[in-house]
PDB file of N, CA and C in Angstrom:
ATOM      1  N   UNK A   1      82.879 -85.756 -90.687  1.00  0.00           N
ATOM      2  CA  UNK A   1      82.136 -86.097 -89.489  1.00  0.00           C
ATOM      3  C   UNK A   1      81.661 -84.806 -88.824  1.00  0.00           C
ATOM      4  N   UNK A   2      80.401 -84.674 -88.604  1.00  0.00           N
ATOM      5  CA  UNK A   2      79.832 -83.478 -87.984  1.00  0.00           C
ATOM      6  C   UNK A   2      79.957 -83.553 -86.470  1.00  0.00           C
ATOM      7  N   UNK A   3      80.232 -82.413 -85.870  1.00  0.00           N
ATOM      8  CA  UNK A   3      80.336 -82.322 -84.418  1.00  0.00           C
ATOM      9  C   UNK A   3      78.939 -82.200 -83.838  1.00  0.00           C
ATOM     10  N   UNK A   4      78.594 -83.119 -82.946  1.00  0.00           N
ATOM     11  CA  UNK A   4      77.292 -83.057 -82.296  1.00  0.00           C
ATOM     12  C   UNK A   4      77.405 -82.214 -81.039  1.00  0.00           C
ATOM     13  N   UNK A   5      76.566 -81.204 -80.944  1.00  0.00           N
ATOM     14  CA  UNK A   5      76.577 -80.331 -79.780  1.00  0.00           C
ATOM     15  C   UNK A   5      75.635 -80.866 -78.723  1.00  0.00           C
ATOM     16  N   UNK A   6      76.023 -80.668 -77.480  1.00  0.00           N
ATOM     17  CA  UNK A   6      75.209 -81.119 -76.362  1.00  0.00           C
ATOM     18  C   UNK A   6      74.432 -79.929 -75.805  1.00  0.00           C
ATOM     19  N   UNK A   7      73.155 -80.081 -75.624  1.00  0.00           N
ATOM     20  CA  UNK A   7      72.342 -79.048 -75.012  1.00  0.00           C
ATOM     21  C   UNK A   7      71.502 -79.679 -73.907  1.00  0.00           C
ATOM     22  N   UNK A   8      72.038 -79.703 -72.693  1.00  0.00           N
ATOM     23  CA  UNK A   8      71.259 -80.303 -71.609  1.00  0.00           C
ATOM     24  C   UNK A   8      70.058 -79.428 -71.265  1.00  0.00           C
ATOM     25  N   UNK A   9      69.012 -80.055 -70.773  1.00  0.00           N
ATOM     26  CA  UNK A   9      67.839 -79.292 -70.346  1.00  0.00           C
ATOM     27  C   UNK A   9      68.202 -78.475 -69.108  1.00  0.00           C
ATOM     28  N   UNK A  10      67.719 -77.253 -69.073  1.00  0.00           N
ATOM     29  CA  UNK A  10      67.970 -76.391 -67.923  1.00  0.00           C
ATOM     30  C   UNK A  10      67.240 -76.955 -66.727  1.00  0.00           C
ATOM     31  N   UNK A  11      67.993 -77.234 -65.670  1.00  0.00           N
ATOM     32  CA  UNK A  11      67.370 -77.753 -64.463  1.00  0.00           C
ATOM     33  C   UNK A  11      67.746 -76.909 -63.260  1.00  0.00           C
ATOM     34  N   UNK A  12      68.334 -75.763 -63.533  1.00  0.00           N
ATOM     35  CA  UNK A  12      68.772 -74.893 -62.457  1.00  0.00           C
ATOM     36  C   UNK A  12      67.772 -73.786 -62.180  1.00  0.00           C
ATOM     37  N   UNK A  13      68.067 -73.037 -61.160  1.00  0.00           N
ATOM     38  CA  UNK A  13      67.223 -71.913 -60.789  1.00  0.00           C
ATOM     39  C   UNK A  13      67.993 -70.616 -61.022  1.00  0.00           C
ATOM     40  N   UNK A  14      67.294 -69.522 -60.914  1.00  0.00           N
ATOM     41  CA  UNK A  14      67.938 -68.212 -61.056  1.00  0.00           C
ATOM     42  C   UNK A  14      69.008 -68.036 -59.980  1.00  0.00           C
ATOM     43  N   UNK A  15      68.749 -68.569 -58.786  1.00  0.00           N
ATOM     44  CA  UNK A  15      69.716 -68.468 -57.694  1.00  0.00           C
ATOM     45  C   UNK A  15      71.016 -69.191 -58.047  1.00  0.00           C
ATOM     46  N   UNK A  16      70.902 -70.348 -58.712  1.00  0.00           N
ATOM     47  CA  UNK A  16      72.107 -71.088 -59.110  1.00  0.00           C
ATOM     48  C   UNK A  16      72.907 -70.309 -60.146  1.00  0.00           C
ATOM     49  N   UNK A  17      72.218 -69.629 -61.028  1.00  0.00           N
ATOM     50  CA  UNK A  17      72.877 -68.797 -62.033  1.00  0.00           C
ATOM     51  C   UNK A  17      73.619 -67.650 -61.357  1.00  0.00           C
ATOM     52  N   UNK A  18      72.978 -66.988 -60.427  1.00  0.00           N
ATOM     53  CA  UNK A  18      73.601 -65.884 -59.686  1.00  0.00           C
ATOM     54  C   UNK A  18      74.771 -66.404 -58.858  1.00  0.00           C
ATOM     55  N   UNK A  19      74.589 -67.553 -58.234  1.00  0.00           N
ATOM     56  CA  UNK A  19      75.642 -68.151 -57.426  1.00  0.00           C
ATOM     57  C   UNK A  19      76.864 -68.497 -58.267  1.00  0.00           C
ATOM     58  N   UNK A  20      76.653 -68.996 -59.477  1.00  0.00           N
ATOM     59  CA  UNK A  20      77.781 -69.350 -60.341  1.00  0.00           C
ATOM     60  C   UNK A  20      78.602 -68.110 -60.702  1.00  0.00           C
ATOM     61  N   UNK A  21      77.940 -66.954 -60.811  1.00  0.00           N
ATOM     62  CA  UNK A  21      78.669 -65.709 -61.101  1.00  0.00           C
ATOM     63  C   UNK A  21      79.509 -65.272 -59.908  1.00  0.00           C
ATOM     64  N   UNK A  22      79.051 -65.603 -58.717  1.00  0.00           N
ATOM     65  CA  UNK A  22      79.803 -65.242 -57.515  1.00  0.00           C
ATOM     66  C   UNK A  22      81.003 -66.176 -57.341  1.00  0.00           C
ATOM     67  N   UNK A  23      80.820 -67.450 -57.651  1.00  0.00           N
ATOM     68  CA  UNK A  23      81.868 -68.451 -57.468  1.00  0.00           C
ATOM     69  C   UNK A  23      82.934 -68.339 -58.555  1.00  0.00           C
ATOM     70  N   UNK A  24      82.515 -68.129 -59.792  1.00  0.00           N
ATOM     71  CA  UNK A  24      83.449 -68.058 -60.924  1.00  0.00           C
ATOM     72  C   UNK A  24      83.421 -66.635 -61.456  1.00  0.00           C
ATOM     73  N   UNK A  25      84.482 -65.900 -61.148  1.00  0.00           N
ATOM     74  CA  UNK A  25      84.551 -64.522 -61.629  1.00  0.00           C
ATOM     75  C   UNK A  25      85.864 -64.276 -62.382  1.00  0.00           C
ATOM     76  N   UNK A  26      85.961 -63.131 -62.976  1.00  0.00           N
ATOM     77  CA  UNK A  26      87.102 -62.775 -63.820  1.00  0.00           C
ATOM     78  C   UNK A  26      88.418 -62.869 -63.047  1.00  0.00           C
ATOM     79  N   UNK A  27      88.444 -62.371 -61.829  1.00  0.00           N
ATOM     80  CA  UNK A  27      89.681 -62.367 -61.041  1.00  0.00           C
ATOM     81  C   UNK A  27      90.144 -63.791 -60.705  1.00  0.00           C
ATOM     82  N   UNK A  28      89.211 -64.649 -60.319  1.00  0.00           N
ATOM     83  CA  UNK A  28      89.568 -66.033 -59.981  1.00  0.00           C
ATOM     84  C   UNK A  28      90.048 -66.801 -61.210  1.00  0.00           C
ATOM     85  N   UNK A  29      89.385 -66.585 -62.330  1.00  0.00           N
ATOM     86  CA  UNK A  29      89.804 -67.244 -63.566  1.00  0.00           C
ATOM     87  C   UNK A  29      91.192 -66.768 -63.980  1.00  0.00           C
ATOM     88  N   UNK A  30      91.425 -65.473 -63.880  1.00  0.00           N
ATOM     89  CA  UNK A  30      92.734 -64.920 -64.240  1.00  0.00           C
ATOM     90  C   UNK A  30      93.815 -65.489 -63.318  1.00  0.00           C
ATOM     91  N   UNK A  31      93.537 -65.551 -62.028  1.00  0.00           N
ATOM     92  CA  UNK A  31      94.509 -66.127 -61.089  1.00  0.00           C
ATOM     93  C   UNK A  31      94.838 -67.557 -61.473  1.00  0.00           C
ATOM     94  N   UNK A  32      93.800 -68.349 -61.783  1.00  0.00           N
ATOM     95  CA  UNK A  32      94.012 -69.760 -62.126  1.00  0.00           C
ATOM     96  C   UNK A  32      94.866 -69.900 -63.378  1.00  0.00           C
ATOM     97  N   UNK A  33      94.559 -69.154 -64.416  1.00  0.00           N
ATOM     98  CA  UNK A  33      95.298 -69.259 -65.678  1.00  0.00           C
ATOM     99  C   UNK A  33      96.734 -68.772 -65.504  1.00  0.00           C
ATOM    100  N   UNK A  34      96.928 -67.690 -64.772  1.00  0.00           N
ATOM    101  CA  UNK A  34      98.283 -67.152 -64.586  1.00  0.00           C
ATOM    102  C   UNK A  34      99.116 -67.985 -63.610  1.00  0.00           C
ATOM    103  N   UNK A  35      98.468 -68.873 -62.860  1.00  0.00           N
ATOM    104  CA  UNK A  35      99.219 -69.714 -61.924  1.00  0.00           C
ATOM    105  C   UNK A  35      99.921 -70.880 -62.632  1.00  0.00           C
ATOM    106  N   UNK A  36      99.543 -71.157 -63.887  1.00  0.00           N
ATOM    107  CA  UNK A  36     100.213 -72.207 -64.655  1.00  0.00           C
ATOM    108  C   UNK A  36     101.631 -71.773 -64.984  1.00  0.00           C
ATOM    109  N   UNK A  37     102.562 -72.709 -65.018  1.00  0.00           N
ATOM    110  CA  UNK A  37     103.889 -72.404 -65.526  1.00  0.00           C
ATOM    111  C   UNK A  37     103.758 -72.325 -67.048  1.00  0.00           C
ATOM    112  N   UNK A  38     104.177 -71.206 -67.653  1.00  0.00           N
ATOM    113  CA  UNK A  38     103.873 -70.928 -69.060  1.00  0.00           C
ATOM    114  C   UNK A  38     104.293 -71.991 -70.071  1.00  0.00           C
ATOM    115  N   UNK A  39     105.419 -72.639 -69.854  1.00  0.00           N
ATOM    116  CA  UNK A  39     105.934 -73.552 -70.879  1.00  0.00           C
ATOM    117  C   UNK A  39     105.795 -75.022 -70.506  1.00  0.00           C
ATOM    118  N   UNK A  40     104.816 -75.341 -69.676  1.00  0.00           N
ATOM    119  CA  UNK A  40     104.525 -76.741 -69.381  1.00  0.00           C
ATOM    120  C   UNK A  40     103.956 -77.399 -70.632  1.00  0.00           C
ATOM    121  N   UNK A  41     103.935 -78.713 -70.624  1.00  0.00           N
ATOM    122  CA  UNK A  41     103.455 -79.457 -71.787  1.00  0.00           C
ATOM    123  C   UNK A  41     102.004 -79.133 -72.101  1.00  0.00           C
ATOM    124  N   UNK A  42     101.661 -79.149 -73.383  1.00  0.00           N
ATOM    125  CA  UNK A  42     100.270 -78.910 -73.768  1.00  0.00           C
ATOM    126  C   UNK A  42      99.420 -80.138 -73.488  1.00  0.00           C
ATOM    127  N   UNK A  43      98.130 -79.936 -73.468  1.00  0.00           N
ATOM    128  CA  UNK A  43      97.200 -81.049 -73.370  1.00  0.00           C
ATOM    129  C   UNK A  43      97.068 -81.705 -74.729  1.00  0.00           C
ATOM    130  N   UNK A  44      96.137 -82.618 -74.851  1.00  0.00           N
ATOM    131  CA  UNK A  44      95.943 -83.328 -76.111  1.00  0.00           C
ATOM    132  C   UNK A  44      95.496 -82.384 -77.225  1.00  0.00           C
ATOM    133  N   UNK A  45      94.942 -81.229 -76.854  1.00  0.00           N
ATOM    134  CA  UNK A  45      94.505 -80.241 -77.836  1.00  0.00           C
ATOM    135  C   UNK A  45      95.657 -79.402 -78.386  1.00  0.00           C
ATOM    136  N   UNK A  46      96.863 -79.562 -77.801  1.00  0.00           N
ATOM    137  CA  UNK A  46      98.030 -78.831 -78.279  1.00  0.00           C
ATOM    138  C   UNK A  46      98.155 -77.414 -77.729  1.00  0.00           C
ATOM    139  N   UNK A  47      97.268 -77.053 -76.820  1.00  0.00           N
ATOM    140  CA  UNK A  47      97.286 -75.695 -76.253  1.00  0.00           C
ATOM    141  C   UNK A  47      98.185 -75.670 -75.028  1.00  0.00           C
ATOM    142  N   UNK A  48      99.180 -74.793 -75.048  1.00  0.00           N
ATOM    143  CA  UNK A  48     100.092 -74.652 -73.920  1.00  0.00           C
ATOM    144  C   UNK A  48      99.590 -73.552 -72.980  1.00  0.00           C
ATOM    145  N   UNK A  49     100.031 -73.578 -71.716  1.00  0.00           N
ATOM    146  CA  UNK A  49      99.605 -72.534 -70.779  1.00  0.00           C
ATOM    147  C   UNK A  49      99.921 -71.120 -71.262  1.00  0.00           C
ATOM    148  N   UNK A  50     101.054 -70.929 -71.939  1.00  0.00           N
ATOM    149  CA  UNK A  50     101.406 -69.578 -72.410  1.00  0.00           C
ATOM    150  C   UNK A  50     100.367 -69.059 -73.405  1.00  0.00           C
ATOM    151  N   UNK A  51      99.784 -69.951 -74.192  1.00  0.00           N
ATOM    152  CA  UNK A  51      98.730 -69.538 -75.138  1.00  0.00           C
ATOM    153  C   UNK A  51      97.498 -69.043 -74.386  1.00  0.00           C
ATOM    154  N   UNK A  52      97.129 -69.780 -73.335  1.00  0.00           N
ATOM    155  CA  UNK A  52      95.981 -69.372 -72.532  1.00  0.00           C
ATOM    156  C   UNK A  52      96.254 -68.046 -71.833  1.00  0.00           C
ATOM    157  N   UNK A  53      97.486 -67.871 -71.377  1.00  0.00           N
ATOM    158  CA  UNK A  53      97.846 -66.647 -70.667  1.00  0.00           C
ATOM    159  C   UNK A  53      97.878 -65.443 -71.602  1.00  0.00           C
ATOM    160  N   UNK A  54      98.487 -65.614 -72.764  1.00  0.00           N
ATOM    161  CA  UNK A  54      98.599 -64.494 -73.703  1.00  0.00           C
ATOM    162  C   UNK A  54      97.237 -64.108 -74.296  1.00  0.00           C
ATOM    163  N   UNK A  55      96.358 -65.079 -74.456  1.00  0.00           N
ATOM    164  CA  UNK A  55      95.038 -64.796 -75.011  1.00  0.00           C
ATOM    165  C   UNK A  55      93.962 -64.639 -73.961  1.00  0.00           C
ATOM    166  N   UNK A  56      94.376 -64.460 -72.709  1.00  0.00           N
ATOM    167  CA  UNK A  56      93.404 -64.457 -71.610  1.00  0.00           C
ATOM    168  C   UNK A  56      92.285 -63.442 -71.806  1.00  0.00           C
ATOM    169  N   UNK A  57      92.621 -62.176 -72.009  1.00  0.00           N
ATOM    170  CA  UNK A  57      91.591 -61.135 -72.084  1.00  0.00           C
ATOM    171  C   UNK A  57      90.663 -61.332 -73.280  1.00  0.00           C
ATOM    172  N   UNK A  58      91.203 -61.852 -74.365  1.00  0.00           N
ATOM    173  CA  UNK A  58      90.400 -62.101 -75.553  1.00  0.00           C
ATOM    174  C   UNK A  58      89.364 -63.208 -75.319  1.00  0.00           C
ATOM    175  N   UNK A  59      89.750 -64.230 -74.555  1.00  0.00           N
ATOM    176  CA  UNK A  59      88.899 -65.400 -74.363  1.00  0.00           C
ATOM    177  C   UNK A  59      88.162 -65.445 -73.024  1.00  0.00           C
ATOM    178  N   UNK A  60      88.466 -64.545 -72.117  1.00  0.00           N
ATOM    179  CA  UNK A  60      87.921 -64.618 -70.756  1.00  0.00           C
ATOM    180  C   UNK A  60      86.395 -64.623 -70.718  1.00  0.00           C
ATOM    181  N   UNK A  61      85.752 -63.790 -71.512  1.00  0.00           N
ATOM    182  CA  UNK A  61      84.290 -63.713 -71.490  1.00  0.00           C
ATOM    183  C   UNK A  61      83.630 -65.033 -71.850  1.00  0.00           C
ATOM    184  N   UNK A  62      84.104 -65.668 -72.916  1.00  0.00           N
ATOM    185  CA  UNK A  62      83.533 -66.954 -73.348  1.00  0.00           C
ATOM    186  C   UNK A  62      83.822 -68.049 -72.332  1.00  0.00           C
ATOM    187  N   UNK A  63      85.040 -68.049 -71.781  1.00  0.00           N
ATOM    188  CA  UNK A  63      85.379 -69.051 -70.764  1.00  0.00           C
ATOM    189  C   UNK A  63      84.492 -68.908 -69.546  1.00  0.00           C
ATOM    190  N   UNK A  64      84.294 -67.675 -69.092  1.00  0.00           N
ATOM    191  CA  UNK A  64      83.435 -67.450 -67.929  1.00  0.00           C
ATOM    192  C   UNK A  64      82.027 -67.963 -68.192  1.00  0.00           C
ATOM    193  N   UNK A  65      81.503 -67.698 -69.382  1.00  0.00           N
ATOM    194  CA  UNK A  65      80.155 -68.177 -69.719  1.00  0.00           C
ATOM    195  C   UNK A  65      80.083 -69.695 -69.664  1.00  0.00           C
ATOM    196  N   UNK A  66      81.066 -70.369 -70.251  1.00  0.00           N
ATOM    197  CA  UNK A  66      81.073 -71.838 -70.257  1.00  0.00           C
ATOM    198  C   UNK A  66      81.167 -72.414 -68.853  1.00  0.00           C
ATOM    199  N   UNK A  67      82.098 -71.892 -68.062  1.00  0.00           N
ATOM    200  CA  UNK A  67      82.295 -72.427 -66.712  1.00  0.00           C
ATOM    201  C   UNK A  67      81.098 -72.155 -65.815  1.00  0.00           C
ATOM    202  N   UNK A  68      80.528 -70.952 -65.917  1.00  0.00           N
ATOM    203  CA  UNK A  68      79.360 -70.619 -65.103  1.00  0.00           C
ATOM    204  C   UNK A  68      78.154 -71.462 -65.487  1.00  0.00           C
ATOM    205  N   UNK A  69      77.950 -71.665 -66.779  1.00  0.00           N
ATOM    206  CA  UNK A  69      76.823 -72.483 -67.232  1.00  0.00           C
ATOM    207  C   UNK A  69      76.987 -73.917 -66.749  1.00  0.00           C
ATOM    208  N   UNK A  70      78.200 -74.431 -66.814  1.00  0.00           N
ATOM    209  CA  UNK A  70      78.452 -75.789 -66.349  1.00  0.00           C
ATOM    210  C   UNK A  70      78.107 -75.920 -64.867  1.00  0.00           C
ATOM    211  N   UNK A  71      78.537 -74.953 -64.073  1.00  0.00           N
ATOM    212  CA  UNK A  71      78.252 -74.983 -62.639  1.00  0.00           C
ATOM    213  C   UNK A  71      76.756 -74.816 -62.359  1.00  0.00           C
ATOM    214  N   UNK A  72      76.129 -73.837 -63.005  1.00  0.00           N
ATOM    215  CA  UNK A  72      74.707 -73.577 -62.757  1.00  0.00           C
ATOM    216  C   UNK A  72      73.835 -74.755 -63.187  1.00  0.00           C
ATOM    217  N   UNK A  73      74.208 -75.412 -64.282  1.00  0.00           N
ATOM    218  CA  UNK A  73      73.433 -76.553 -64.769  1.00  0.00           C
ATOM    219  C   UNK A  73      73.745 -77.835 -64.012  1.00  0.00           C
ATOM    220  N   UNK A  74      74.889 -77.834 -63.324  1.00  0.00           N
ATOM    221  CA  UNK A  74      75.318 -79.067 -62.678  1.00  0.00           C
ATOM    222  C   UNK A  74      75.678 -80.108 -63.719  1.00  0.00           C
ATOM    223  N   UNK A  75      76.252 -79.654 -64.834  1.00  0.00           N
ATOM    224  CA  UNK A  75      76.524 -80.528 -65.966  1.00  0.00           C
ATOM    225  C   UNK A  75      77.942 -80.306 -66.480  1.00  0.00           C
ATOM    226  N   UNK A  76      78.666 -81.394 -66.705  1.00  0.00           N
ATOM    227  CA  UNK A  76      79.992 -81.327 -67.299  1.00  0.00           C
ATOM    228  C   UNK A  76      79.899 -81.956 -68.679  1.00  0.00           C
ATOM    229  N   UNK A  77      80.221 -81.205 -69.730  1.00  0.00           N
ATOM    230  CA  UNK A  77      80.132 -81.769 -71.083  1.00  0.00           C
ATOM    231  C   UNK A  77      80.949 -83.055 -71.214  1.00  0.00           C
ATOM    232  N   UNK A  78      80.453 -83.979 -72.014  1.00  0.00           N
ATOM    233  CA  UNK A  78      81.115 -85.274 -72.193  1.00  0.00           C
ATOM    234  C   UNK A  78      82.575 -85.106 -72.628  1.00  0.00           C
ATOM    235  N   UNK A  79      82.841 -84.131 -73.481  1.00  0.00           N
ATOM    236  CA  UNK A  79      84.202 -83.953 -73.992  1.00  0.00           C
ATOM    237  C   UNK A  79      85.168 -83.473 -72.910  1.00  0.00           C
ATOM    238  N   UNK A  80      84.669 -83.027 -71.764  1.00  0.00           N
ATOM    239  CA  UNK A  80      85.528 -82.599 -70.652  1.00  0.00           C
ATOM    240  C   UNK A  80      85.784 -83.742 -69.667  1.00  0.00           C
ATOM    241  N   UNK A  81      85.145 -84.872 -69.859  1.00  0.00           N
ATOM    242  CA  UNK A  81      85.190 -85.951 -68.867  1.00  0.00           C
ATOM    243  C   UNK A  81      86.257 -87.011 -69.107  1.00  0.00           C
ATOM    244  N   UNK A  82      86.981 -86.933 -70.174  1.00  0.00           N
ATOM    245  CA  UNK A  82      87.986 -87.949 -70.492  1.00  0.00           C
ATOM    246  C   UNK A  82      89.297 -87.608 -69.796  1.00  0.00           C
ATOM    247  N   UNK A  83      89.837 -88.569 -69.086  1.00  0.00           N
ATOM    248  CA  UNK A  83      91.083 -88.363 -68.343  1.00  0.00           C
ATOM    249  C   UNK A  83      92.008 -89.541 -68.560  1.00  0.00           C
ATOM    250  N   UNK A  84      93.282 -89.247 -68.672  1.00  0.00           N
ATOM    251  CA  UNK A  84      94.301 -90.291 -68.738  1.00  0.00           C
ATOM    252  C   UNK A  84      95.160 -90.138 -67.498  1.00  0.00           C
ATOM    253  N   UNK A  85      95.330 -91.212 -66.757  1.00  0.00           N
ATOM    254  CA  UNK A  85      96.142 -91.176 -65.546  1.00  0.00           C
ATOM    255  C   UNK A  85      97.439 -91.936 -65.814  1.00  0.00           C
ATOM    256  N   UNK A  86      98.546 -91.271 -65.507  1.00  0.00           N
ATOM    257  CA  UNK A  86      99.868 -91.877 -65.635  1.00  0.00           C
ATOM    258  C   UNK A  86     100.468 -91.909 -64.238  1.00  0.00           C
ATOM    259  N   UNK A  87     101.053 -93.031 -63.859  1.00  0.00           N
ATOM    260  CA  UNK A  87     101.663 -93.161 -62.539  1.00  0.00           C
ATOM    261  C   UNK A  87     103.168 -92.989 -62.656  1.00  0.00           C
ATOM    262  N   UNK A  88     103.690 -91.999 -61.948  1.00  0.00           N
ATOM    263  CA  UNK A  88     105.125 -91.735 -61.945  1.00  0.00           C
ATOM    264  C   UNK A  88     105.717 -92.220 -60.629  1.00  0.00           C
ATOM    265  N   UNK A  89     106.865 -92.878 -60.691  1.00  0.00           N
ATOM    266  CA  UNK A  89     107.482 -93.350 -59.443  1.00  0.00           C
ATOM    267  C   UNK A  89     108.028 -92.177 -58.623  1.00  0.00           C
ATOM    268  N   UNK A  90     107.837 -92.254 -57.312  1.00  0.00           N
ATOM    269  CA  UNK A  90     108.425 -91.250 -56.421  1.00  0.00           C
ATOM    270  C   UNK A  90     109.907 -91.580 -56.273  1.00  0.00           C
ATOM    271  N   UNK A  91     110.747 -90.550 -56.244  1.00  0.00           N
ATOM    272  CA  UNK A  91     112.186 -90.797 -56.132  1.00  0.00           C
ATOM    273  C   UNK A  91     112.547 -91.563 -54.853  1.00  0.00           C
ATOM    274  N   UNK A  92     113.388 -92.572 -55.006  1.00  0.00           N
ATOM    275  CA  UNK A  92     113.889 -93.326 -53.856  1.00  0.00           C
ATOM    276  C   UNK A  92     112.915 -94.290 -53.222  1.00  0.00           C
ATOM    277  N   UNK A  93     111.767 -94.534 -53.836  1.00  0.00           N
ATOM    278  CA  UNK A  93     110.769 -95.448 -53.262  1.00  0.00           C
ATOM    279  C   UNK A  93     110.749 -96.743 -54.079  1.00  0.00           C
ATOM    280  N   UNK A  94     110.495 -97.880 -53.425  1.00  0.00           N
ATOM    281  CA  UNK A  94     110.415 -99.140 -54.162  1.00  0.00           C
ATOM    282  C   UNK A  94     109.136 -99.190 -55.011  1.00  0.00           C
ATOM    283  N   UNK A  95     109.255 -99.718 -56.201  1.00  0.00           N
ATOM    284  CA  UNK A  95     108.115 -99.737 -57.121  1.00  0.00           C
ATOM    285  C   UNK A  95     107.068-100.796 -56.789  1.00  0.00           C
ATOM    286  N   UNK A  96     107.313-101.612 -55.797  1.00  0.00           N
ATOM    287  CA  UNK A  96     106.382-102.700 -55.474  1.00  0.00           C
ATOM    288  C   UNK A  96     105.218-102.235 -54.594  1.00  0.00           C
ATOM    289  N   UNK A  97     105.203-100.979 -54.163  1.00  0.00           N
ATOM    290  CA  UNK A  97     104.127-100.478 -53.308  1.00  0.00           C
ATOM    291  C   UNK A  97     103.345 -99.387 -54.037  1.00  0.00           C
ATOM    292  N   UNK A  98     102.024 -99.414 -53.895  1.00  0.00           N
ATOM    293  CA  UNK A  98     101.176 -98.421 -54.553  1.00  0.00           C
ATOM    294  C   UNK A  98     101.501 -97.001 -54.093  1.00  0.00           C
ATOM    295  N   UNK A  99     101.841 -96.838 -52.807  1.00  0.00           N
ATOM    296  CA  UNK A  99     102.128 -95.492 -52.299  1.00  0.00           C
ATOM    297  C   UNK A  99     103.452 -94.943 -52.825  1.00  0.00           C
ATOM    298  N   UNK A 100     104.191 -95.750 -53.564  1.00  0.00           N
ATOM    299  CA  UNK A 100     105.448 -95.307 -54.165  1.00  0.00           C
ATOM    300  C   UNK A 100     105.228 -94.636 -55.519  1.00  0.00           C
ATOM    301  N   UNK A 101     103.972 -94.590 -55.953  1.00  0.00           N
ATOM    302  CA  UNK A 101     103.650 -94.001 -57.250  1.00  0.00           C
ATOM    303  C   UNK A 101     102.798 -92.753 -57.068  1.00  0.00           C
ATOM    304  N   UNK A 102     103.017 -91.790 -57.931  1.00  0.00           N
ATOM    305  CA  UNK A 102     102.268 -90.532 -57.901  1.00  0.00           C
ATOM    306  C   UNK A 102     101.379 -90.478 -59.148  1.00  0.00           C
ATOM    307  N   UNK A 103     100.059 -90.388 -58.976  1.00  0.00           N
ATOM    308  CA  UNK A 103      99.189 -90.309 -60.155  1.00  0.00           C
ATOM    309  C   UNK A 103      99.179 -88.887 -60.731  1.00  0.00           C
ATOM    310  N   UNK A 104      99.324 -88.792 -62.027  1.00  0.00           N
ATOM    311  CA  UNK A 104      99.230 -87.520 -62.738  1.00  0.00           C
ATOM    312  C   UNK A 104      98.068 -87.673 -63.720  1.00  0.00           C
ATOM    313  N   UNK A 105      97.093 -86.779 -63.627  1.00  0.00           N
ATOM    314  CA  UNK A 105      95.921 -86.860 -64.501  1.00  0.00           C
ATOM    315  C   UNK A 105      96.045 -85.879 -65.649  1.00  0.00           C
ATOM    316  N   UNK A 106      95.728 -86.341 -66.829  1.00  0.00           N
ATOM    317  CA  UNK A 106      95.742 -85.536 -68.023  1.00  0.00           C
ATOM    318  C   UNK A 106      94.327 -85.571 -68.585  1.00  0.00           C
ATOM    319  N   UNK A 107      93.677 -84.419 -68.629  1.00  0.00           N
ATOM    320  CA  UNK A 107      92.325 -84.368 -69.169  1.00  0.00           C
ATOM    321  C   UNK A 107      92.430 -84.427 -70.682  1.00  0.00           C
ATOM    322  N   UNK A 108      91.661 -85.314 -71.283  1.00  0.00           N
ATOM    323  CA  UNK A 108      91.738 -85.551 -72.705  1.00  0.00           C
ATOM    324  C   UNK A 108      90.462 -85.021 -73.353  1.00  0.00           C
ATOM    325  N   UNK A 109      90.620 -84.091 -74.275  1.00  0.00           N
ATOM    326  CA  UNK A 109      89.483 -83.548 -75.013  1.00  0.00           C
ATOM    327  C   UNK A 109      89.305 -84.357 -76.283  1.00  0.00           C
ATOM    328  N   UNK A 110      88.116 -84.865 -76.489  1.00  0.00           N
ATOM    329  CA  UNK A 110      87.812 -85.550 -77.741  1.00  0.00           C
ATOM    330  C   UNK A 110      86.482 -85.043 -78.246  1.00  0.00           C
ATOM    331  N   UNK A 111      86.310 -85.065 -79.530  1.00  0.00           N
ATOM    332  CA  UNK A 111      85.030 -84.669 -80.105  1.00  0.00           C
ATOM    333  C   UNK A 111      84.116 -85.871 -80.255  1.00  0.00           C
ATOM    334  N   UNK A 112      84.645 -87.056 -80.049  1.00  0.00           N
ATOM    335  CA  UNK A 112      83.833 -88.278 -80.114  1.00  0.00           C
ATOM    336  C   UNK A 112      83.288 -88.552 -78.721  1.00  0.00           C
ATOM    337  N   UNK A 113      81.991 -88.410 -78.527  1.00  0.00           N
ATOM    338  CA  UNK A 113      81.398 -88.631 -77.208  1.00  0.00           C
ATOM    339  C   UNK A 113      80.440 -89.781 -77.224  1.00  0.00           C
TER     340      UNK A 113
END
């Protein structure tokens, strides 16, 4: 099965491109990645936070390009839009009330869009 790549039409301006560089920069991305607890569970792709942290400098340039392009285009790739929500009970709360549950979202990456 061949992977179909998405290429949305550019609908942004030069200002949006410049703005995306100001909003998403190397320092902010590094802070976000390093703020993860290293040995938390991996996503559906099998990548754990420690992998992202250890490979940060190697992958930072490509990640910045992807995130900035997404922001400047105002487009989120289809494969980034899949989410699984699991509801966990709050300790000591009755399960019969919605506010007694805590939603945890897991972003699911799939190549089938």
